[in-house]
Amino acid sequence: MKYKHFAFTVRRSVRANTQKNIADFYPKNDIQKGFSVFNMKSVFAFMALFALAGCAQHQNEMLDRNLSIVDIEMQNGEVDTAIQKLKELNRDYPNNQDVILRLAEVHRMTGKNLAAVEFYKKALKIDPNFRAAWMGLSKIYLQQKPETSLSILENLVKLYPADPEVVDDYGVALDLNGRYADAQNAYRRAISLDPSMVGPEINLGLSLGLTGHVAQGLALIRPYAIASDASQRTRENYALLLIACGKNDEARAVLQTYMSENKTEGTVERLSEFWQKHAVVKN
């Protein structure tokens, strides 16, 4: 029993001494101080991260608000104001694809296609799958390089087969490359995807006219062309088919609802040239 008691005493003594040595090595006040410093650093780090997150959120909200204003200015035709605002945003938010996209769009609106193409390409460098940039680029190439536009839209329609806007633009590219039957199928498909879209129906009417079904094309376009809110493009398409029927005076009357008499004659000439170039059955 003595040996057992002695062993117990030794173990308790060793444990007590060990605890004492550790306590001596790390004084209580220093341990508390260390935890306090650690806790304070953690708090400050958290506060800094929270502040940065709040700042980033505020910047994103400001950018969204400014882009909404730019969109309204572009819709209202306030191009110069929109360009100036976008330049400021591009300086404050460099390499932001939404800002760059709008710079491309506003330059395309003003006919500055070379600059627009460069902005579209810059946006695509940031995001190679940026649908809106590909769509904008294809619209420019529709006027200048229809075969290039068709190549772009063939890829897009594979990626977005259920997107009526993509399918509609694909139809336009097919038309301009002389593939009228495929174009008309594309327009019908776009209409089935979104029956409320006006563009595909008007494009179908024009395509039918170009392939000799002028009366059918006019019947499709007429309700939209005579509406008070008809777009310039819709009225031009309607005027084109009127010219195809030899109804040049009616075509002039349609065009003069939104342009001067001098400009009307130039537009009639341009539409006549388009018909001679693209129509399968010419008058």
C-alpha atoms as a PDB file:
ATOM      1  CA  MET A   1       0.000   0.000   0.000  1.00  0.00           C
ATOM      2  CA  LYS A   2       2.907   2.305   0.674  1.00  0.00           C
ATOM      3  CA  TYR A   3       4.230   1.772  -2.828  1.00  0.00           C
ATOM      4  CA  LYS A   4       0.817   2.376  -4.344  1.00  0.00           C
ATOM      5  CA  HIS A   5       0.352   5.558  -2.354  1.00  0.00           C
ATOM      6  CA  PHE A   6       3.848   6.701  -3.294  1.00  0.00           C
ATOM      7  CA  ALA A   7       3.169   6.062  -6.999  1.00  0.00           C
ATOM      8  CA  PHE A   8      -0.057   8.020  -6.849  1.00  0.00           C
ATOM      9  CA  THR A   9       1.725  10.859  -5.084  1.00  0.00           C
ATOM     10  CA  VAL A  10       4.469  10.935  -7.718  1.00  0.00           C
ATOM     11  CA  ARG A  11       2.015  10.947 -10.614  1.00  0.00           C
ATOM     12  CA  ARG A  12      -0.006  13.735  -9.020  1.00  0.00           C
ATOM     13  CA  SER A  13       3.165  15.660  -8.311  1.00  0.00           C
ATOM     14  CA  VAL A  14       4.448  15.276 -11.874  1.00  0.00           C
ATOM     15  CA  ARG A  15       1.103  16.370 -13.293  1.00  0.00           C
ATOM     16  CA  ALA A  16       1.009  19.375 -10.962  1.00  0.00           C
ATOM     17  CA  ASN A  17       4.570  20.344 -11.880  1.00  0.00           C
ATOM     18  CA  THR A  18       3.822  19.962 -15.589  1.00  0.00           C
ATOM     19  CA  GLN A  19       0.790  22.191 -15.315  1.00  0.00           C
ATOM     20  CA  LYS A  20       2.834  24.663 -13.362  1.00  0.00           C
ATOM     21  CA  ASN A  21       5.628  24.682 -15.925  1.00  0.00           C
ATOM     22  CA  ILE A  22       3.197  25.275 -18.787  1.00  0.00           C
ATOM     23  CA  ALA A  23       1.507  28.034 -16.821  1.00  0.00           C
ATOM     24  CA  ASP A  24       4.902  29.543 -16.091  1.00  0.00           C
ATOM     25  CA  PHE A  25       5.852  29.397 -19.765  1.00  0.00           C
ATOM     26  CA  TYR A  26       2.568  31.015 -20.885  1.00  0.00           C
ATOM     27  CA  PRO A  27       1.552  33.501 -18.211  1.00  0.00           C
ATOM     28  CA  LYS A  28      -2.203  33.814 -17.819  1.00  0.00           C
ATOM     29  CA  ASN A  29      -2.321  37.480 -18.768  1.00  0.00           C
ATOM     30  CA  ASP A  30      -0.331  36.872 -21.959  1.00  0.00           C
ATOM     31  CA  ILE A  31      -2.629  34.033 -22.995  1.00  0.00           C
ATOM     32  CA  GLN A  32      -5.677  36.200 -22.463  1.00  0.00           C
ATOM     33  CA  LYS A  33      -3.972  39.042 -24.276  1.00  0.00           C
ATOM     34  CA  GLY A  34      -3.105  36.767 -27.210  1.00  0.00           C
ATOM     35  CA  PHE A  35      -6.680  35.595 -27.545  1.00  0.00           C
ATOM     36  CA  SER A  36      -7.887  39.179 -27.313  1.00  0.00           C
ATOM     37  CA  VAL A  37      -5.507  40.333 -30.061  1.00  0.00           C
ATOM     38  CA  PHE A  38      -6.505  37.358 -32.216  1.00  0.00           C
ATOM     39  CA  ASN A  39     -10.188  38.085 -31.704  1.00  0.00           C
ATOM     40  CA  MET A  40      -9.733  41.774 -32.487  1.00  0.00           C
ATOM     41  CA  LYS A  41      -7.802  40.969 -35.667  1.00  0.00           C
ATOM     42  CA  SER A  42     -10.575  38.591 -36.734  1.00  0.00           C
ATOM     43  CA  VAL A  43     -13.192  41.244 -36.067  1.00  0.00           C
ATOM     44  CA  PHE A  44     -11.286  43.878 -38.051  1.00  0.00           C
ATOM     45  CA  ALA A  45     -10.716  41.432 -40.919  1.00  0.00           C
ATOM     46  CA  PHE A  46     -14.409  40.574 -41.002  1.00  0.00           C
ATOM     47  CA  MET A  47     -15.350  44.245 -40.907  1.00  0.00           C
ATOM     48  CA  ALA A  48     -12.957  44.985 -43.764  1.00  0.00           C
ATOM     49  CA  LEU A  49     -14.401  42.173 -45.886  1.00  0.00           C
ATOM     50  CA  PHE A  50     -17.930  43.298 -45.089  1.00  0.00           C
ATOM     51  CA  ALA A  51     -17.056  46.880 -46.073  1.00  0.00           C
ATOM     52  CA  LEU A  52     -15.494  45.713 -49.346  1.00  0.00           C
ATOM     53  CA  ALA A  53     -18.533  43.582 -50.147  1.00  0.00           C
ATOM     54  CA  GLY A  54     -20.817  46.512 -49.417  1.00  0.00           C
ATOM     55  CA  CYS A  55     -18.704  48.799 -51.598  1.00  0.00           C
ATOM     56  CA  ALA A  56     -18.743  46.302 -54.480  1.00  0.00           C
ATOM     57  CA  GLN A  57     -22.502  45.923 -54.201  1.00  0.00           C
ATOM     58  CA  HIS A  58     -22.936  49.690 -54.224  1.00  0.00           C
ATOM     59  CA  GLN A  59     -20.724  50.004 -57.327  1.00  0.00           C
ATOM     60  CA  ASN A  60     -22.717  47.293 -59.125  1.00  0.00           C
ATOM     61  CA  GLU A  61     -25.985  49.013 -58.247  1.00  0.00           C
ATOM     62  CA  MET A  62     -24.631  52.336 -59.515  1.00  0.00           C
ATOM     63  CA  LEU A  63     -23.474  50.699 -62.755  1.00  0.00           C
ATOM     64  CA  ASP A  64     -26.851  49.026 -63.311  1.00  0.00           C
ATOM     65  CA  ARG A  65     -28.625  52.330 -62.690  1.00  0.00           C
ATOM     66  CA  ASN A  66     -26.374  54.195 -65.134  1.00  0.00           C
ATOM     67  CA  LEU A  67     -26.751  51.506 -67.802  1.00  0.00           C
ATOM     68  CA  SER A  68     -30.545  51.730 -67.453  1.00  0.00           C
ATOM     69  CA  ILE A  69     -30.312  55.476 -68.067  1.00  0.00           C
ATOM     70  CA  VAL A  70     -28.101  54.876 -71.124  1.00  0.00           C
ATOM     71  CA  ASP A  71     -30.625  52.365 -72.487  1.00  0.00           C
ATOM     72  CA  ILE A  72     -33.411  54.942 -72.221  1.00  0.00           C
ATOM     73  CA  GLU A  73     -31.244  57.580 -73.921  1.00  0.00           C
ATOM     74  CA  MET A  74     -30.475  55.191 -76.774  1.00  0.00           C
ATOM     75  CA  GLN A  75     -34.167  54.336 -77.184  1.00  0.00           C
ATOM     76  CA  ASN A  76     -35.008  58.042 -77.306  1.00  0.00           C
ATOM     77  CA  GLY A  77     -32.320  58.718 -79.911  1.00  0.00           C
ATOM     78  CA  GLU A  78     -30.161  60.769 -77.526  1.00  0.00           C
ATOM     79  CA  VAL A  79     -27.050  59.235 -79.037  1.00  0.00           C
ATOM     80  CA  ASP A  80     -24.489  61.913 -78.154  1.00  0.00           C
ATOM     81  CA  THR A  81     -25.547  61.933 -74.515  1.00  0.00           C
ATOM     82  CA  ALA A  82     -25.436  58.127 -74.397  1.00  0.00           C
ATOM     83  CA  ILE A  83     -21.952  57.990 -75.945  1.00  0.00           C
ATOM     84  CA  GLN A  84     -20.590  60.531 -73.470  1.00  0.00           C
ATOM     85  CA  LYS A  85     -22.050  58.609 -70.537  1.00  0.00           C
ATOM     86  CA  LEU A  86     -20.690  55.316 -71.841  1.00  0.00           C
ATOM     87  CA  LYS A  87     -17.202  56.777 -72.224  1.00  0.00           C
ATOM     88  CA  GLU A  88     -17.289  57.820 -68.571  1.00  0.00           C
ATOM     89  CA  LEU A  89     -18.526  54.375 -67.526  1.00  0.00           C
ATOM     90  CA  ASN A  90     -15.844  52.694 -69.627  1.00  0.00           C
ATOM     91  CA  ARG A  91     -13.241  54.748 -67.759  1.00  0.00           C
ATOM     92  CA  ASP A  92     -14.725  53.920 -64.350  1.00  0.00           C
ATOM     93  CA  TYR A  93     -15.434  50.255 -65.160  1.00  0.00           C
ATOM     94  CA  PRO A  94     -12.731  49.157 -67.632  1.00  0.00           C
ATOM     95  CA  ASN A  95     -13.287  45.837 -69.417  1.00  0.00           C
ATOM     96  CA  ASN A  96     -16.903  45.603 -68.333  1.00  0.00           C
ATOM     97  CA  GLN A  97     -18.639  43.651 -71.094  1.00  0.00           C
ATOM     98  CA  ASP A  98     -22.042  45.322 -70.587  1.00  0.00           C
ATOM     99  CA  VAL A  99     -20.531  48.790 -71.019  1.00  0.00           C
ATOM    100  CA  ILE A 100     -18.520  47.682 -74.054  1.00  0.00           C
ATOM    101  CA  LEU A 101     -21.596  46.045 -75.601  1.00  0.00           C
ATOM    102  CA  ARG A 102     -23.527  49.303 -75.378  1.00  0.00           C
ATOM    103  CA  LEU A 103     -20.615  51.210 -76.885  1.00  0.00           C
ATOM    104  CA  ALA A 104     -20.796  48.786 -79.814  1.00  0.00           C
ATOM    105  CA  GLU A 105     -24.580  49.161 -80.095  1.00  0.00           C
ATOM    106  CA  VAL A 106     -24.579  52.941 -80.018  1.00  0.00           C
ATOM    107  CA  HIS A 107     -21.873  53.096 -82.706  1.00  0.00           C
ATOM    108  CA  ARG A 108     -23.864  50.659 -84.850  1.00  0.00           C
ATOM    109  CA  MET A 109     -26.930  52.883 -84.417  1.00  0.00           C
ATOM    110  CA  THR A 110     -25.001  55.859 -85.808  1.00  0.00           C
ATOM    111  CA  GLY A 111     -23.570  53.911 -88.747  1.00  0.00           C
ATOM    112  CA  LYS A 112     -20.034  53.810 -87.332  1.00  0.00           C
ATOM    113  CA  ASN A 113     -19.692  50.138 -88.120  1.00  0.00           C
ATOM    114  CA  LEU A 114     -15.900  49.887 -87.979  1.00  0.00           C
ATOM    115  CA  ALA A 115     -15.883  51.158 -84.408  1.00  0.00           C
ATOM    116  CA  ALA A 116     -18.874  48.972 -83.542  1.00  0.00           C
ATOM    117  CA  VAL A 117     -17.118  45.853 -84.852  1.00  0.00           C
ATOM    118  CA  GLU A 118     -14.057  46.579 -82.710  1.00  0.00           C
ATOM    119  CA  PHE A 119     -16.184  47.025 -79.590  1.00  0.00           C
ATOM    120  CA  TYR A 120     -18.081  43.791 -80.298  1.00  0.00           C
ATOM    121  CA  LYS A 121     -14.775  41.941 -80.732  1.00  0.00           C
ATOM    122  CA  LYS A 122     -13.466  43.442 -77.495  1.00  0.00           C
ATOM    123  CA  ALA A 123     -16.553  42.206 -75.642  1.00  0.00           C
ATOM    124  CA  LEU A 124     -16.059  38.746 -77.154  1.00  0.00           C
ATOM    125  CA  LYS A 125     -12.460  38.647 -75.938  1.00  0.00           C
ATOM    126  CA  ILE A 126     -13.798  39.072 -72.409  1.00  0.00           C
ATOM    127  CA  ASP A 127     -16.504  36.443 -72.923  1.00  0.00           C
ATOM    128  CA  PRO A 128     -16.259  34.324 -76.115  1.00  0.00           C
ATOM    129  CA  ASN A 129     -19.815  33.058 -75.509  1.00  0.00           C
ATOM    130  CA  PHE A 130     -21.371  36.522 -75.224  1.00  0.00           C
ATOM    131  CA  ARG A 131     -24.590  35.985 -77.209  1.00  0.00           C
ATOM    132  CA  ALA A 132     -25.531  39.664 -77.504  1.00  0.00           C
ATOM    133  CA  ALA A 133     -22.117  40.577 -78.952  1.00  0.00           C
ATOM    134  CA  TRP A 134     -22.325  37.798 -81.557  1.00  0.00           C
ATOM    135  CA  MET A 135     -25.836  38.942 -82.486  1.00  0.00           C
ATOM    136  CA  GLY A 136     -24.730  42.552 -82.896  1.00  0.00           C
ATOM    137  CA  LEU A 137     -21.716  41.547 -84.960  1.00  0.00           C
ATOM    138  CA  SER A 138     -23.877  39.388 -87.229  1.00  0.00           C
ATOM    139  CA  LYS A 139     -26.252  42.310 -87.865  1.00  0.00           C
ATOM    140  CA  ILE A 140     -23.382  44.438 -89.164  1.00  0.00           C
ATOM    141  CA  TYR A 141     -22.104  41.624 -91.350  1.00  0.00           C
ATOM    142  CA  LEU A 142     -25.613  41.147 -92.752  1.00  0.00           C
ATOM    143  CA  GLN A 143     -25.109  44.450 -94.572  1.00  0.00           C
ATOM    144  CA  GLN A 144     -21.465  44.005 -95.516  1.00  0.00           C
ATOM    145  CA  LYS A 145     -20.626  40.283 -95.531  1.00  0.00           C
ATOM    146  CA  PRO A 146     -23.798  38.163 -95.643  1.00  0.00           C
ATOM    147  CA  GLU A 147     -21.791  34.937 -95.874  1.00  0.00           C
ATOM    148  CA  THR A 148     -19.869  35.801 -92.684  1.00  0.00           C
ATOM    149  CA  SER A 149     -23.115  36.680 -90.922  1.00  0.00           C
ATOM    150  CA  LEU A 150     -24.611  33.352 -91.991  1.00  0.00           C
ATOM    151  CA  SER A 151     -21.595  31.499 -90.588  1.00  0.00           C
ATOM    152  CA  ILE A 152     -21.998  33.250 -87.210  1.00  0.00           C
ATOM    153  CA  LEU A 153     -25.740  32.626 -87.068  1.00  0.00           C
ATOM    154  CA  GLU A 154     -25.404  28.968 -88.061  1.00  0.00           C
ATOM    155  CA  ASN A 155     -23.342  28.498 -84.910  1.00  0.00           C
ATOM    156  CA  LEU A 156     -25.689  30.594 -82.768  1.00  0.00           C
ATOM    157  CA  VAL A 157     -28.798  28.731 -83.892  1.00  0.00           C
ATOM    158  CA  LYS A 158     -27.153  25.473 -82.792  1.00  0.00           C
ATOM    159  CA  LEU A 159     -26.458  26.958 -79.366  1.00  0.00           C
ATOM    160  CA  TYR A 160     -29.866  28.660 -79.048  1.00  0.00           C
ATOM    161  CA  PRO A 161     -32.325  26.593 -81.127  1.00  0.00           C
ATOM    162  CA  ALA A 162     -35.306  27.837 -79.092  1.00  0.00           C
ATOM    163  CA  ASP A 163     -34.388  31.538 -79.243  1.00  0.00           C
ATOM    164  CA  PRO A 164     -36.817  33.211 -81.704  1.00  0.00           C
ATOM    165  CA  GLU A 165     -34.583  36.254 -82.199  1.00  0.00           C
ATOM    166  CA  VAL A 166     -31.614  34.086 -83.177  1.00  0.00           C
ATOM    167  CA  VAL A 167     -33.771  31.968 -85.497  1.00  0.00           C
ATOM    168  CA  ASP A 168     -35.286  35.089 -87.101  1.00  0.00           C
ATOM    169  CA  ASP A 169     -31.867  36.652 -87.787  1.00  0.00           C
ATOM    170  CA  TYR A 170     -30.718  33.295 -89.142  1.00  0.00           C
ATOM    171  CA  GLY A 171     -33.609  33.484 -91.616  1.00  0.00           C
ATOM    172  CA  VAL A 172     -32.510  36.959 -92.753  1.00  0.00           C
ATOM    173  CA  ALA A 173     -28.966  35.695 -93.345  1.00  0.00           C
ATOM    174  CA  LEU A 174     -30.331  32.762 -95.344  1.00  0.00           C
ATOM    175  CA  ASP A 175     -32.435  35.161 -97.455  1.00  0.00           C
ATOM    176  CA  LEU A 176     -29.458  37.400 -98.213  1.00  0.00           C
ATOM    177  CA  ASN A 177     -27.459  34.338 -99.254  1.00  0.00           C
ATOM    178  CA  GLY A 178     -30.189  33.259-101.690  1.00  0.00           C
ATOM    179  CA  ARG A 179     -31.492  30.335 -99.611  1.00  0.00           C
ATOM    180  CA  TYR A 180     -35.118  31.486 -99.650  1.00  0.00           C
ATOM    181  CA  ALA A 181     -36.880  28.212 -98.846  1.00  0.00           C
ATOM    182  CA  ASP A 182     -34.623  27.647 -95.812  1.00  0.00           C
ATOM    183  CA  ALA A 183     -35.181  31.274 -94.768  1.00  0.00           C
ATOM    184  CA  GLN A 184     -38.955  30.920 -94.893  1.00  0.00           C
ATOM    185  CA  ASN A 185     -38.770  27.768 -92.799  1.00  0.00           C
ATOM    186  CA  ALA A 186     -36.654  29.656 -90.254  1.00  0.00           C
ATOM    187  CA  TYR A 187     -39.203  32.496 -90.073  1.00  0.00           C
ATOM    188  CA  ARG A 188     -42.070  30.046 -89.549  1.00  0.00           C
ATOM    189  CA  ARG A 189     -40.074  28.364 -86.815  1.00  0.00           C
ATOM    190  CA  ALA A 190     -39.420  31.726 -85.104  1.00  0.00           C
ATOM    191  CA  ILE A 191     -43.152  32.528 -85.291  1.00  0.00           C
ATOM    192  CA  SER A 192     -43.999  29.180 -83.681  1.00  0.00           C
ATOM    193  CA  LEU A 193     -41.477  29.867 -80.905  1.00  0.00           C
ATOM    194  CA  ASP A 194     -42.942  33.310 -80.168  1.00  0.00           C
ATOM    195  CA  PRO A 195     -46.181  34.190 -82.006  1.00  0.00           C
ATOM    196  CA  SER A 196     -46.105  37.692 -80.509  1.00  0.00           C
ATOM    197  CA  MET A 197     -42.933  38.650 -82.400  1.00  0.00           C
ATOM    198  CA  VAL A 198     -43.645  40.916 -85.368  1.00  0.00           C
ATOM    199  CA  GLY A 199     -40.244  40.675 -87.080  1.00  0.00           C
ATOM    200  CA  PRO A 200     -40.400  37.061 -88.298  1.00  0.00           C
ATOM    201  CA  GLU A 201     -43.840  37.569 -89.904  1.00  0.00           C
ATOM    202  CA  ILE A 202     -42.687  40.703 -91.745  1.00  0.00           C
ATOM    203  CA  ASN A 203     -39.501  38.964 -92.854  1.00  0.00           C
ATOM    204  CA  LEU A 204     -41.547  35.996 -94.069  1.00  0.00           C
ATOM    205  CA  GLY A 205     -43.738  38.344 -96.106  1.00  0.00           C
ATOM    206  CA  LEU A 206     -40.692  39.945 -97.727  1.00  0.00           C
ATOM    207  CA  SER A 207     -39.111  36.560 -98.460  1.00  0.00           C
ATOM    208  CA  LEU A 208     -42.326  35.323-100.064  1.00  0.00           C
ATOM    209  CA  GLY A 209     -42.382  38.438-102.211  1.00  0.00           C
ATOM    210  CA  LEU A 210     -38.781  37.903-103.311  1.00  0.00           C
ATOM    211  CA  THR A 211     -39.695  34.393-104.483  1.00  0.00           C
ATOM    212  CA  GLY A 212     -42.626  35.585-106.596  1.00  0.00           C
ATOM    213  CA  HIS A 213     -45.461  35.479-104.050  1.00  0.00           C
ATOM    214  CA  VAL A 214     -45.800  39.266-103.859  1.00  0.00           C
ATOM    215  CA  ALA A 215     -49.532  39.385-103.124  1.00  0.00           C
ATOM    216  CA  GLN A 216     -49.119  36.933-100.254  1.00  0.00           C
ATOM    217  CA  GLY A 217     -46.183  38.938 -98.917  1.00  0.00           C
ATOM    218  CA  LEU A 218     -48.121  42.205 -99.070  1.00  0.00           C
ATOM    219  CA  ALA A 219     -51.046  40.621 -97.207  1.00  0.00           C
ATOM    220  CA  LEU A 220     -48.721  39.599 -94.377  1.00  0.00           C
ATOM    221  CA  ILE A 221     -46.940  42.949 -94.051  1.00  0.00           C
ATOM    222  CA  ARG A 222     -49.816  45.387 -94.691  1.00  0.00           C
ATOM    223  CA  PRO A 223     -51.464  45.258 -91.195  1.00  0.00           C
ATOM    224  CA  TYR A 224     -48.148  46.118 -89.547  1.00  0.00           C
ATOM    225  CA  ALA A 225     -47.079  48.723 -92.137  1.00  0.00           C
ATOM    226  CA  ILE A 226     -50.245  50.833 -91.885  1.00  0.00           C
ATOM    227  CA  ALA A 227     -50.215  50.866 -88.073  1.00  0.00           C
ATOM    228  CA  SER A 228     -49.447  54.239 -86.489  1.00  0.00           C
ATOM    229  CA  ASP A 229     -46.468  52.802 -84.605  1.00  0.00           C
ATOM    230  CA  ALA A 230     -45.001  50.939 -87.604  1.00  0.00           C
ATOM    231  CA  SER A 231     -41.225  50.918 -87.704  1.00  0.00           C
ATOM    232  CA  GLN A 232     -39.246  52.433 -90.560  1.00  0.00           C
ATOM    233  CA  ARG A 233     -38.022  48.986 -91.594  1.00  0.00           C
ATOM    234  CA  THR A 234     -41.567  47.589 -91.744  1.00  0.00           C
ATOM    235  CA  ARG A 235     -42.728  50.444 -93.964  1.00  0.00           C
ATOM    236  CA  GLU A 236     -39.705  50.058 -96.226  1.00  0.00           C
ATOM    237  CA  ASN A 237     -40.393  46.344 -96.663  1.00  0.00           C
ATOM    238  CA  TYR A 238     -43.993  47.131 -97.534  1.00  0.00           C
ATOM    239  CA  ALA A 239     -42.899  49.848 -99.968  1.00  0.00           C
ATOM    240  CA  LEU A 240     -40.465  47.403-101.576  1.00  0.00           C
ATOM    241  CA  LEU A 241     -43.249  44.949-102.399  1.00  0.00           C
ATOM    242  CA  LEU A 242     -45.445  47.800-103.674  1.00  0.00           C
ATOM    243  CA  ILE A 243     -42.607  48.762-106.013  1.00  0.00           C
ATOM    244  CA  ALA A 244     -42.396  45.127-107.106  1.00  0.00           C
ATOM    245  CA  CYS A 245     -46.062  45.383-108.133  1.00  0.00           C
ATOM    246  CA  GLY A 246     -45.373  48.588-110.050  1.00  0.00           C
ATOM    247  CA  LYS A 247     -47.259  50.658-107.442  1.00  0.00           C
ATOM    248  CA  ASN A 248     -44.520  53.270-107.049  1.00  0.00           C
ATOM    249  CA  ASP A 249     -46.872  56.101-106.084  1.00  0.00           C
ATOM    250  CA  GLU A 250     -48.322  54.047-103.236  1.00  0.00           C
ATOM    251  CA  ALA A 251     -44.793  53.180-102.159  1.00  0.00           C
ATOM    252  CA  ARG A 252     -43.868  56.890-102.105  1.00  0.00           C
ATOM    253  CA  ALA A 253     -46.929  57.685-100.008  1.00  0.00           C
ATOM    254  CA  VAL A 254     -45.890  55.068 -97.445  1.00  0.00           C
ATOM    255  CA  LEU A 255     -42.317  56.368 -97.303  1.00  0.00           C
ATOM    256  CA  GLN A 256     -43.368  60.014 -97.004  1.00  0.00           C
ATOM    257  CA  THR A 257     -45.107  59.263 -93.702  1.00  0.00           C
ATOM    258  CA  TYR A 258     -41.655  59.467 -92.080  1.00  0.00           C
ATOM    259  CA  MET A 259     -39.283  61.110 -94.574  1.00  0.00           C
ATOM    260  CA  SER A 260     -39.049  64.150 -96.839  1.00  0.00           C
ATOM    261  CA  GLU A 261     -39.914  64.071-100.556  1.00  0.00           C
ATOM    262  CA  ASN A 262     -36.251  64.362-101.573  1.00  0.00           C
ATOM    263  CA  LYS A 263     -35.251  61.407 -99.425  1.00  0.00           C
ATOM    264  CA  THR A 264     -38.245  59.442-100.690  1.00  0.00           C
ATOM    265  CA  GLU A 265     -36.966  59.403-104.268  1.00  0.00           C
ATOM    266  CA  GLY A 266     -33.555  58.147-103.154  1.00  0.00           C
ATOM    267  CA  THR A 267     -35.177  55.419-101.055  1.00  0.00           C
ATOM    268  CA  VAL A 268     -37.413  54.299-103.946  1.00  0.00           C
ATOM    269  CA  GLU A 269     -34.319  53.999-106.124  1.00  0.00           C
ATOM    270  CA  ARG A 270     -32.444  52.023-103.454  1.00  0.00           C
ATOM    271  CA  LEU A 271     -35.383  49.646-102.899  1.00  0.00           C
ATOM    272  CA  SER A 272     -35.712  49.115-106.653  1.00  0.00           C
ATOM    273  CA  GLU A 273     -32.033  48.158-106.850  1.00  0.00           C
ATOM    274  CA  PHE A 274     -32.466  45.749-103.929  1.00  0.00           C
ATOM    275  CA  TRP A 275     -35.383  44.087-105.703  1.00  0.00           C
ATOM    276  CA  GLN A 276     -33.437  43.675-108.936  1.00  0.00           C
ATOM    277  CA  LYS A 277     -30.505  42.164-107.037  1.00  0.00           C
ATOM    278  CA  HIS A 278     -32.328  39.737-104.735  1.00  0.00           C
ATOM    279  CA  ALA A 279     -35.697  38.875-106.254  1.00  0.00           C
ATOM    280  CA  VAL A 280     -36.013  35.470-107.912  1.00  0.00           C
ATOM    281  CA  VAL A 281     -38.941  36.649-110.062  1.00  0.00           C
ATOM    282  CA  LYS A 282     -38.395  40.226-111.222  1.00  0.00           C
ATOM    283  CA  ASN A 283     -40.957  42.606-112.693  1.00  0.00           C
END
